[in-house]
Amino acid sequence: QCHVADLLVKNEGENDPLYDVAVVLRVLQSYVCEMSSNP
């Protein structure tokens, strides 16, 4: 039920990506694991 804006978590380091992709990736991997047992 989420929207793209919900996933935007900013980083503050000058050399870091603008958004923290790692935290979204972690949640996405968790979703895929849960989805495998949810028809």
PDB file of all heavy atoms in Angstrom:
ATOM      1  N   GLN A   1       0.818  -1.224   0.000  1.00  0.00           N
ATOM      2  CA  GLN A   1       0.000   0.000   0.000  1.00  0.00           C
ATOM      3  C   GLN A   1       0.852   1.275   0.000  1.00  0.00           C
ATOM      4  O   GLN A   1       0.312   2.376   0.050  1.00  0.00           O
ATOM      5  CB  GLN A   1      -0.929   0.031   1.221  1.00  0.00           C
ATOM      6  CG  GLN A   1      -2.006  -1.037   1.222  1.00  0.00           C
ATOM      7  CD  GLN A   1      -1.520  -2.347   1.799  1.00  0.00           C
ATOM      8  OE1 GLN A   1      -0.789  -2.357   2.786  1.00  0.00           O
ATOM      9  NE2 GLN A   1      -1.923  -3.451   1.192  1.00  0.00           N
ATOM     10  N   CYS A   2       2.174   1.126  -0.033  1.00  0.00           N
ATOM     11  CA  CYS A   2       3.054   2.293   0.090  1.00  0.00           C
ATOM     12  C   CYS A   2       3.188   3.035  -1.241  1.00  0.00           C
ATOM     13  O   CYS A   2       2.879   2.507  -2.312  1.00  0.00           O
ATOM     14  CB  CYS A   2       4.438   1.872   0.570  1.00  0.00           C
ATOM     15  SG  CYS A   2       4.483   1.413   2.304  1.00  0.00           S
ATOM     16  N   HIS A   3       3.656   4.277  -1.135  1.00  0.00           N
ATOM     17  CA  HIS A   3       3.980   5.097  -2.297  1.00  0.00           C
ATOM     18  C   HIS A   3       5.485   5.362  -2.307  1.00  0.00           C
ATOM     19  O   HIS A   3       6.166   5.154  -1.296  1.00  0.00           O
ATOM     20  CB  HIS A   3       3.218   6.411  -2.264  1.00  0.00           C
ATOM     21  CG  HIS A   3       1.729   6.238  -2.200  1.00  0.00           C
ATOM     22  ND1 HIS A   3       0.973   5.865  -3.297  1.00  0.00           N
ATOM     23  CD2 HIS A   3       0.858   6.356  -1.165  1.00  0.00           C
ATOM     24  CE1 HIS A   3      -0.298   5.777  -2.952  1.00  0.00           C
ATOM     25  NE2 HIS A   3      -0.397   6.067  -1.658  1.00  0.00           N
ATOM     26  N   VAL A   4       5.981   5.835  -3.431  1.00  0.00           N
ATOM     27  CA  VAL A   4       7.418   6.071  -3.557  1.00  0.00           C
ATOM     28  C   VAL A   4       7.911   7.027  -2.486  1.00  0.00           C
ATOM     29  O   VAL A   4       8.977   6.829  -1.895  1.00  0.00           O
ATOM     30  CB  VAL A   4       7.748   6.621  -4.966  1.00  0.00           C
ATOM     31  CG1 VAL A   4       9.207   7.053  -5.041  1.00  0.00           C
ATOM     32  CG2 VAL A   4       7.453   5.568  -6.025  1.00  0.00           C
ATOM     33  N   ALA A   5       7.133   8.077  -2.204  1.00  0.00           N
ATOM     34  CA  ALA A   5       7.552   9.069  -1.207  1.00  0.00           C
ATOM     35  C   ALA A   5       7.757   8.441   0.169  1.00  0.00           C
ATOM     36  O   ALA A   5       8.580   8.919   0.960  1.00  0.00           O
ATOM     37  CB  ALA A   5       6.522  10.190  -1.118  1.00  0.00           C
ATOM     38  N   ASP A   6       7.028   7.353   0.456  1.00  0.00           N
ATOM     39  CA  ASP A   6       7.172   6.687   1.752  1.00  0.00           C
ATOM     40  C   ASP A   6       8.537   6.034   1.920  1.00  0.00           C
ATOM     41  O   ASP A   6       8.997   5.815   3.048  1.00  0.00           O
ATOM     42  CB  ASP A   6       6.089   5.617   1.924  1.00  0.00           C
ATOM     43  CG  ASP A   6       4.686   6.208   1.901  1.00  0.00           C
ATOM     44  OD1 ASP A   6       4.534   7.334   2.391  1.00  0.00           O
ATOM     45  OD2 ASP A   6       3.776   5.544   1.390  1.00  0.00           O
ATOM     46  N   LEU A   7       9.183   5.705   0.806  1.00  0.00           N
ATOM     47  CA  LEU A   7      10.454   4.980   0.863  1.00  0.00           C
ATOM     48  C   LEU A   7      11.666   5.896   0.879  1.00  0.00           C
ATOM     49  O   LEU A   7      12.799   5.417   1.001  1.00  0.00           O
ATOM     50  CB  LEU A   7      10.566   4.034  -0.345  1.00  0.00           C
ATOM     51  CG  LEU A   7       9.430   3.027  -0.543  1.00  0.00           C
ATOM     52  CD1 LEU A   7       9.740   2.132  -1.739  1.00  0.00           C
ATOM     53  CD2 LEU A   7       9.217   2.182   0.702  1.00  0.00           C
ATOM     54  N   LEU A   8      11.450   7.185   0.755  1.00  0.00           N
ATOM     55  CA  LEU A   8      12.578   8.118   0.643  1.00  0.00           C
ATOM     56  C   LEU A   8      13.107   8.490   2.019  1.00  0.00           C
ATOM     57  O   LEU A   8      12.505   9.285   2.743  1.00  0.00           O
ATOM     58  CB  LEU A   8      12.142   9.375  -0.124  1.00  0.00           C
ATOM     59  CG  LEU A   8      11.625   9.137  -1.552  1.00  0.00           C
ATOM     60  CD1 LEU A   8      11.216  10.447  -2.188  1.00  0.00           C
ATOM     61  CD2 LEU A   8      12.678   8.433  -2.399  1.00  0.00           C
ATOM     62  N   VAL A   9      14.233   7.908   2.378  1.00  0.00           N
ATOM     63  CA  VAL A   9      14.913   8.209   3.643  1.00  0.00           C
ATOM     64  C   VAL A   9      16.260   8.821   3.285  1.00  0.00           C
ATOM     65  O   VAL A   9      17.128   8.158   2.712  1.00  0.00           O
ATOM     66  CB  VAL A   9      15.113   6.939   4.493  1.00  0.00           C
ATOM     67  CG1 VAL A   9      15.854   7.273   5.772  1.00  0.00           C
ATOM     68  CG2 VAL A   9      13.766   6.302   4.802  1.00  0.00           C
ATOM     69  N   LYS A  10      16.447  10.065   3.626  1.00  0.00           N
ATOM     70  CA  LYS A  10      17.633  10.793   3.184  1.00  0.00           C
ATOM     71  C   LYS A  10      18.882  10.408   3.965  1.00  0.00           C
ATOM     72  O   LYS A  10      18.843  10.097   5.142  1.00  0.00           O
ATOM     73  CB  LYS A  10      17.407  12.302   3.312  1.00  0.00           C
ATOM     74  CG  LYS A  10      16.514  12.887   2.231  1.00  0.00           C
ATOM     75  CD  LYS A  10      16.562  14.397   2.244  1.00  0.00           C
ATOM     76  CE  LYS A  10      15.795  14.983   1.061  1.00  0.00           C
ATOM     77  NZ  LYS A  10      15.878  16.453   1.029  1.00  0.00           N
ATOM     78  N   ASN A  11      20.015  10.463   3.249  1.00  0.00           N
ATOM     79  CA  ASN A  11      21.333  10.411   3.881  1.00  0.00           C
ATOM     80  C   ASN A  11      21.851  11.836   4.029  1.00  0.00           C
ATOM     81  O   ASN A  11      21.416  12.739   3.311  1.00  0.00           O
ATOM     82  CB  ASN A  11      22.315   9.610   3.018  1.00  0.00           C
ATOM     83  CG  ASN A  11      22.083   8.120   3.113  1.00  0.00           C
ATOM     84  OD1 ASN A  11      21.770   7.597   4.171  1.00  0.00           O
ATOM     85  ND2 ASN A  11      22.229   7.420   1.997  1.00  0.00           N
ATOM     86  N   GLU A  12      22.802  12.030   4.949  1.00  0.00           N
ATOM     87  CA  GLU A  12      23.321  13.371   5.191  1.00  0.00           C
ATOM     88  C   GLU A  12      24.806  13.507   4.868  1.00  0.00           C
ATOM     89  O   GLU A  12      25.334  14.605   4.871  1.00  0.00           O
ATOM     90  CB  GLU A  12      23.081  13.773   6.658  1.00  0.00           C
ATOM     91  CG  GLU A  12      21.612  13.904   7.018  1.00  0.00           C
ATOM     92  CD  GLU A  12      20.875  14.898   6.149  1.00  0.00           C
ATOM     93  OE1 GLU A  12      21.435  15.982   5.869  1.00  0.00           O
ATOM     94  OE2 GLU A  12      19.737  14.596   5.731  1.00  0.00           O
ATOM     95  N   GLY A  13      25.499  12.410   4.611  1.00  0.00           N
ATOM     96  CA  GLY A  13      26.916  12.481   4.272  1.00  0.00           C
ATOM     97  C   GLY A  13      27.127  13.083   2.890  1.00  0.00           C
ATOM     98  O   GLY A  13      26.339  12.848   1.962  1.00  0.00           O
ATOM     99  N   GLU A  14      28.194  13.860   2.743  1.00  0.00           N
ATOM    100  CA  GLU A  14      28.446  14.547   1.473  1.00  0.00           C
ATOM    101  C   GLU A  14      28.712  13.562   0.342  1.00  0.00           C
ATOM    102  O   GLU A  14      28.326  13.804  -0.798  1.00  0.00           O
ATOM    103  CB  GLU A  14      29.637  15.505   1.627  1.00  0.00           C
ATOM    104  CG  GLU A  14      29.366  16.665   2.578  1.00  0.00           C
ATOM    105  CD  GLU A  14      30.543  17.604   2.664  1.00  0.00           C
ATOM    106  OE1 GLU A  14      31.559  17.343   1.965  1.00  0.00           O
ATOM    107  OE2 GLU A  14      30.465  18.587   3.418  1.00  0.00           O
ATOM    108  N   ASN A  15      29.380  12.473   0.636  1.00  0.00           N
ATOM    109  CA  ASN A  15      29.726  11.503  -0.400  1.00  0.00           C
ATOM    110  C   ASN A  15      28.766  10.323  -0.446  1.00  0.00           C
ATOM    111  O   ASN A  15      28.969   9.395  -1.229  1.00  0.00           O
ATOM    112  CB  ASN A  15      31.152  10.992  -0.181  1.00  0.00           C
ATOM    113  CG  ASN A  15      32.186  12.101  -0.282  1.00  0.00           C
ATOM    114  OD1 ASN A  15      32.055  12.992  -1.123  1.00  0.00           O
ATOM    115  ND2 ASN A  15      33.191  12.059   0.573  1.00  0.00           N
ATOM    116  N   ASP A  16      27.747  10.349   0.407  1.00  0.00           N
ATOM    117  CA  ASP A  16      26.752   9.282   0.405  1.00  0.00           C
ATOM    118  C   ASP A  16      25.705   9.539  -0.670  1.00  0.00           C
ATOM    119  O   ASP A  16      25.507  10.678  -1.103  1.00  0.00           O
ATOM    120  CB  ASP A  16      26.057   9.200   1.765  1.00  0.00           C
ATOM    121  CG  ASP A  16      27.006   8.748   2.863  1.00  0.00           C
ATOM    122  OD1 ASP A  16      27.965   8.036   2.542  1.00  0.00           O
ATOM    123  OD2 ASP A  16      26.783   9.120   4.036  1.00  0.00           O
ATOM    124  N   PRO A  17      25.024   8.489  -1.106  1.00  0.00           N
ATOM    125  CA  PRO A  17      23.867   8.710  -1.989  1.00  0.00           C
ATOM    126  C   PRO A  17      22.836   9.598  -1.300  1.00  0.00           C
ATOM    127  O   PRO A  17      22.778   9.663  -0.065  1.00  0.00           O
ATOM    128  CB  PRO A  17      23.328   7.294  -2.222  1.00  0.00           C
ATOM    129  CG  PRO A  17      24.476   6.385  -1.943  1.00  0.00           C
ATOM    130  CD  PRO A  17      25.277   7.056  -0.876  1.00  0.00           C
ATOM    131  N   LEU A  18      22.038  10.278  -2.080  1.00  0.00           N
ATOM    132  CA  LEU A  18      21.046  11.193  -1.518  1.00  0.00           C
ATOM    133  C   LEU A  18      20.071  10.444  -0.618  1.00  0.00           C
ATOM    134  O   LEU A  18      19.672  10.936   0.440  1.00  0.00           O
ATOM    135  CB  LEU A  18      20.292  11.907  -2.642  1.00  0.00           C
ATOM    136  CG  LEU A  18      19.223  12.919  -2.217  1.00  0.00           C
ATOM    137  CD1 LEU A  18      19.840  14.029  -1.366  1.00  0.00           C
ATOM    138  CD2 LEU A  18      18.517  13.496  -3.436  1.00  0.00           C
ATOM    139  N   TYR A  19      19.683   9.247  -1.024  1.00  0.00           N
ATOM    140  CA  TYR A  19      18.724   8.449  -0.256  1.00  0.00           C
ATOM    141  C   TYR A  19      19.359   7.133   0.188  1.00  0.00           C
ATOM    142  O   TYR A  19      20.224   6.578  -0.503  1.00  0.00           O
ATOM    143  CB  TYR A  19      17.468   8.167  -1.084  1.00  0.00           C
ATOM    144  CG  TYR A  19      16.713   9.410  -1.463  1.00  0.00           C
ATOM    145  CD1 TYR A  19      16.788   9.921  -2.761  1.00  0.00           C
ATOM    146  CD2 TYR A  19      15.942  10.094  -0.529  1.00  0.00           C
ATOM    147  CE1 TYR A  19      16.100  11.079  -3.105  1.00  0.00           C
ATOM    148  CE2 TYR A  19      15.255  11.245  -0.869  1.00  0.00           C
ATOM    149  CZ  TYR A  19      15.341  11.732  -2.155  1.00  0.00           C
ATOM    150  OH  TYR A  19      14.672  12.881  -2.494  1.00  0.00           O
ATOM    151  N   ASP A  20      18.911   6.667   1.340  1.00  0.00           N
ATOM    152  CA  ASP A  20      19.417   5.414   1.891  1.00  0.00           C
ATOM    153  C   ASP A  20      18.706   4.249   1.211  1.00  0.00           C
ATOM    154  O   ASP A  20      17.563   3.906   1.544  1.00  0.00           O
ATOM    155  CB  ASP A  20      19.183   5.383   3.404  1.00  0.00           C
ATOM    156  CG  ASP A  20      19.925   4.242   4.080  1.00  0.00           C
ATOM    157  OD1 ASP A  20      20.096   3.195   3.424  1.00  0.00           O
ATOM    158  OD2 ASP A  20      20.325   4.393   5.237  1.00  0.00           O
ATOM    159  N   VAL A  21      19.389   3.638   0.254  1.00  0.00           N
ATOM    160  CA  VAL A  21      18.825   2.516  -0.492  1.00  0.00           C
ATOM    161  C   VAL A  21      18.943   1.226   0.311  1.00  0.00           C
ATOM    162  O   VAL A  21      18.106   0.324   0.188  1.00  0.00           O
ATOM    163  CB  VAL A  21      19.528   2.372  -1.861  1.00  0.00           C
ATOM    164  CG1 VAL A  21      18.987   1.175  -2.625  1.00  0.00           C
ATOM    165  CG2 VAL A  21      19.358   3.646  -2.685  1.00  0.00           C
ATOM    166  N   ALA A  22      19.939   1.146   1.181  1.00  0.00           N
ATOM    167  CA  ALA A  22      20.181  -0.084   1.939  1.00  0.00           C
ATOM    168  C   ALA A  22      18.998  -0.441   2.827  1.00  0.00           C
ATOM    169  O   ALA A  22      18.637  -1.613   2.959  1.00  0.00           O
ATOM    170  CB  ALA A  22      21.454   0.060   2.776  1.00  0.00           C
ATOM    171  N   VAL A  23      18.382   0.588   3.447  1.00  0.00           N
ATOM    172  CA  VAL A  23      17.260   0.310   4.349  1.00  0.00           C
ATOM    173  C   VAL A  23      16.045  -0.183   3.564  1.00  0.00           C
ATOM    174  O   VAL A  23      15.316  -1.074   4.008  1.00  0.00           O
ATOM    175  CB  VAL A  23      16.933   1.574   5.188  1.00  0.00           C
ATOM    176  CG1 VAL A  23      16.349   2.669   4.331  1.00  0.00           C
ATOM    177  CG2 VAL A  23      15.990   1.237   6.323  1.00  0.00           C
ATOM    178  N   VAL A  24      15.828   0.366   2.371  1.00  0.00           N
ATOM    179  CA  VAL A  24      14.728  -0.101   1.519  1.00  0.00           C
ATOM    180  C   VAL A  24      15.006  -1.515   1.026  1.00  0.00           C
ATOM    181  O   VAL A  24      14.104  -2.363   0.976  1.00  0.00           O
ATOM    182  CB  VAL A  24      14.524   0.863   0.336  1.00  0.00           C
ATOM    183  CG1 VAL A  24      13.461   0.335  -0.618  1.00  0.00           C
ATOM    184  CG2 VAL A  24      14.145   2.254   0.843  1.00  0.00           C
ATOM    185  N   LEU A  25      16.243  -1.778   0.676  1.00  0.00           N
ATOM    186  CA  LEU A  25      16.620  -3.113   0.211  1.00  0.00           C
ATOM    187  C   LEU A  25      16.377  -4.148   1.295  1.00  0.00           C
ATOM    188  O   LEU A  25      15.873  -5.250   1.022  1.00  0.00           O
ATOM    189  CB  LEU A  25      18.096  -3.112  -0.198  1.00  0.00           C
ATOM    190  CG  LEU A  25      18.674  -4.440  -0.672  1.00  0.00           C
ATOM    191  CD1 LEU A  25      17.937  -4.927  -1.908  1.00  0.00           C
ATOM    192  CD2 LEU A  25      20.163  -4.295  -0.954  1.00  0.00           C
ATOM    193  N   ARG A  26      16.696  -3.796   2.530  1.00  0.00           N
ATOM    194  CA  ARG A  26      16.502  -4.731   3.644  1.00  0.00           C
ATOM    195  C   ARG A  26      15.023  -5.085   3.809  1.00  0.00           C
ATOM    196  O   ARG A  26      14.666  -6.251   4.009  1.00  0.00           O
ATOM    197  CB  ARG A  26      17.056  -4.110   4.922  1.00  0.00           C
ATOM    198  CG  ARG A  26      16.959  -5.008   6.128  1.00  0.00           C
ATOM    199  CD  ARG A  26      17.878  -4.551   7.228  1.00  0.00           C
ATOM    200  NE  ARG A  26      17.806  -5.437   8.375  1.00  0.00           N
ATOM    201  CZ  ARG A  26      18.758  -5.579   9.286  1.00  0.00           C
ATOM    202  NH1 ARG A  26      19.869  -4.884   9.169  1.00  0.00           N
ATOM    203  NH2 ARG A  26      18.615  -6.407  10.302  1.00  0.00           N
ATOM    204  N   VAL A  27      14.157  -4.075   3.711  1.00  0.00           N
ATOM    205  CA  VAL A  27      12.723  -4.309   3.830  1.00  0.00           C
ATOM    206  C   VAL A  27      12.202  -5.116   2.645  1.00  0.00           C
ATOM    207  O   VAL A  27      11.364  -6.010   2.799  1.00  0.00           O
ATOM    208  CB  VAL A  27      11.977  -2.970   3.938  1.00  0.00           C
ATOM    209  CG1 VAL A  27      10.483  -3.168   3.790  1.00  0.00           C
ATOM    210  CG2 VAL A  27      12.286  -2.297   5.266  1.00  0.00           C
ATOM    211  N   LEU A  28      12.705  -4.818   1.467  1.00  0.00           N
ATOM    212  CA  LEU A  28      12.264  -5.529   0.265  1.00  0.00           C
ATOM    213  C   LEU A  28      12.628  -7.007   0.346  1.00  0.00           C
ATOM    214  O   LEU A  28      11.829  -7.880  -0.026  1.00  0.00           O
ATOM    215  CB  LEU A  28      12.901  -4.885  -0.969  1.00  0.00           C
ATOM    216  CG  LEU A  28      12.443  -5.397  -2.326  1.00  0.00           C
ATOM    217  CD1 LEU A  28      10.941  -5.245  -2.483  1.00  0.00           C
ATOM    218  CD2 LEU A  28      13.175  -4.664  -3.443  1.00  0.00           C
ATOM    219  N   GLN A  29      13.805  -7.302   0.833  1.00  0.00           N
ATOM    220  CA  GLN A  29      14.214  -8.699   0.993  1.00  0.00           C
ATOM    221  C   GLN A  29      13.334  -9.408   2.015  1.00  0.00           C
ATOM    222  O   GLN A  29      12.988 -10.583   1.839  1.00  0.00           O
ATOM    223  CB  GLN A  29      15.693  -8.750   1.409  1.00  0.00           C
ATOM    224  CG  GLN A  29      16.641  -8.323   0.301  1.00  0.00           C
ATOM    225  CD  GLN A  29      18.068  -8.136   0.781  1.00  0.00           C
ATOM    226  OE1 GLN A  29      18.319  -7.968   1.986  1.00  0.00           O
ATOM    227  NE2 GLN A  29      19.018  -8.160  -0.144  1.00  0.00           N
ATOM    228  N   SER A  30      12.964  -8.678   3.072  1.00  0.00           N
ATOM    229  CA  SER A  30      12.053  -9.250   4.069  1.00  0.00           C
ATOM    230  C   SER A  30      10.691  -9.526   3.447  1.00  0.00           C
ATOM    231  O   SER A  30      10.070 -10.564   3.716  1.00  0.00           O
ATOM    232  CB  SER A  30      11.914  -8.295   5.257  1.00  0.00           C
ATOM    233  OG  SER A  30      10.978  -8.780   6.192  1.00  0.00           O
ATOM    234  N   TYR A  31      10.228  -8.601   2.607  1.00  0.00           N
ATOM    235  CA  TYR A  31       8.927  -8.791   1.943  1.00  0.00           C
ATOM    236  C   TYR A  31       8.958 -10.019   1.037  1.00  0.00           C
ATOM    237  O   TYR A  31       8.006 -10.811   1.024  1.00  0.00           O
ATOM    238  CB  TYR A  31       8.577  -7.552   1.120  1.00  0.00           C
ATOM    239  CG  TYR A  31       7.366  -7.751   0.244  1.00  0.00           C
ATOM    240  CD1 TYR A  31       6.080  -7.634   0.758  1.00  0.00           C
ATOM    241  CD2 TYR A  31       7.510  -8.087  -1.104  1.00  0.00           C
ATOM    242  CE1 TYR A  31       4.970  -7.842  -0.040  1.00  0.00           C
ATOM    243  CE2 TYR A  31       6.407  -8.295  -1.910  1.00  0.00           C
ATOM    244  CZ  TYR A  31       5.135  -8.165  -1.373  1.00  0.00           C
ATOM    245  OH  TYR A  31       4.039  -8.376  -2.169  1.00  0.00           O
ATOM    246  N   VAL A  32      10.013 -10.173   0.274  1.00  0.00           N
ATOM    247  CA  VAL A  32      10.108 -11.314  -0.648  1.00  0.00           C
ATOM    248  C   VAL A  32      10.073 -12.626   0.133  1.00  0.00           C
ATOM    249  O   VAL A  32       9.432 -13.594  -0.284  1.00  0.00           O
ATOM    250  CB  VAL A  32      11.395 -11.209  -1.496  1.00  0.00           C
ATOM    251  CG1 VAL A  32      11.610 -12.485  -2.302  1.00  0.00           C
ATOM    252  CG2 VAL A  32      11.313 -10.004  -2.427  1.00  0.00           C
ATOM    253  N   CYS A  33      10.737 -12.665   1.289  1.00  0.00           N
ATOM    254  CA  CYS A  33      10.706 -13.877   2.123  1.00  0.00           C
ATOM    255  C   CYS A  33       9.299 -14.154   2.639  1.00  0.00           C
ATOM    256  O   CYS A  33       8.835 -15.300   2.632  1.00  0.00           O
ATOM    257  CB  CYS A  33      11.665 -13.716   3.299  1.00  0.00           C
ATOM    258  SG  CYS A  33      13.410 -13.714   2.832  1.00  0.00           S
ATOM    259  N   GLU A  34       8.599 -13.092   3.075  1.00  0.00           N
ATOM    260  CA  GLU A  34       7.237 -13.263   3.577  1.00  0.00           C
ATOM    261  C   GLU A  34       6.289 -13.653   2.447  1.00  0.00           C
ATOM    262  O   GLU A  34       5.375 -14.457   2.629  1.00  0.00           O
ATOM    263  CB  GLU A  34       6.755 -11.957   4.222  1.00  0.00           C
ATOM    264  CG  GLU A  34       7.510 -11.539   5.474  1.00  0.00           C
ATOM    265  CD  GLU A  34       7.178 -12.398   6.669  1.00  0.00           C
ATOM    266  OE1 GLU A  34       6.095 -13.011   6.696  1.00  0.00           O
ATOM    267  OE2 GLU A  34       8.021 -12.477   7.589  1.00  0.00           O
ATOM    268  N   MET A  35       6.512 -13.067   1.267  1.00  0.00           N
ATOM    269  CA  MET A  35       5.633 -13.300   0.124  1.00  0.00           C
ATOM    270  C   MET A  35       5.660 -14.749  -0.336  1.00  0.00           C
ATOM    271  O   MET A  35       4.669 -15.279  -0.845  1.00  0.00           O
ATOM    272  CB  MET A  35       6.051 -12.364  -1.009  1.00  0.00           C
ATOM    273  CG  MET A  35       5.249 -12.467  -2.301  1.00  0.00           C
ATOM    274  SD  MET A  35       5.822 -13.774  -3.437  1.00  0.00           S
ATOM    275  CE  MET A  35       7.542 -13.321  -3.623  1.00  0.00           C
ATOM    276  N   SER A  36       6.798 -15.400  -0.166  1.00  0.00           N
ATOM    277  CA  SER A  36       6.934 -16.773  -0.643  1.00  0.00           C
ATOM    278  C   SER A  36       5.934 -17.729   0.011  1.00  0.00           C
ATOM    279  O   SER A  36       5.569 -18.748  -0.567  1.00  0.00           O
ATOM    280  CB  SER A  36       8.365 -17.271  -0.389  1.00  0.00           C
ATOM    281  OG  SER A  36       8.648 -17.245   0.997  1.00  0.00           O
ATOM    282  N   SER A  37       5.470 -17.370   1.200  1.00  0.00           N
ATOM    283  CA  SER A  37       4.497 -18.224   1.898  1.00  0.00           C
ATOM    284  C   SER A  37       3.103 -17.602   1.942  1.00  0.00           C
ATOM    285  O   SER A  37       2.235 -18.063   2.671  1.00  0.00           O
ATOM    286  CB  SER A  37       4.981 -18.476   3.340  1.00  0.00           C
ATOM    287  OG  SER A  37       5.141 -17.255   4.035  1.00  0.00           O
ATOM    288  N   ASN A  38       2.902 -16.554   1.152  1.00  0.00           N
ATOM    289  CA  ASN A  38       1.611 -15.862   1.148  1.00  0.00           C
ATOM    290  C   ASN A  38       1.051 -15.830  -0.269  1.00  0.00           C
ATOM    291  O   ASN A  38       1.486 -15.026  -1.098  1.00  0.00           O
ATOM    292  CB  ASN A  38       1.787 -14.437   1.682  1.00  0.00           C
ATOM    293  CG  ASN A  38       0.465 -13.683   1.737  1.00  0.00           C
ATOM    294  OD1 ASN A  38      -0.604 -14.264   1.565  1.00  0.00           O
ATOM    295  ND2 ASN A  38       0.540 -12.388   1.954  1.00  0.00           N
ATOM    296  N   PRO A  39       0.093 -16.682  -0.569  1.00  0.00           N
ATOM    297  CA  PRO A  39      -0.450 -16.743  -1.944  1.00  0.00           C
ATOM    298  C   PRO A  39      -1.214 -15.495  -2.343  1.00  0.00           C
ATOM    299  O   PRO A  39      -1.411 -15.249  -3.533  1.00  0.00           O
ATOM    300  CB  PRO A  39      -1.380 -17.969  -1.893  1.00  0.00           C
ATOM    301  CG  PRO A  39      -1.743 -18.111  -0.446  1.00  0.00           C
ATOM    302  CD  PRO A  39      -0.544 -17.652   0.330  1.00  0.00           C
TER     303      PRO A  39
END
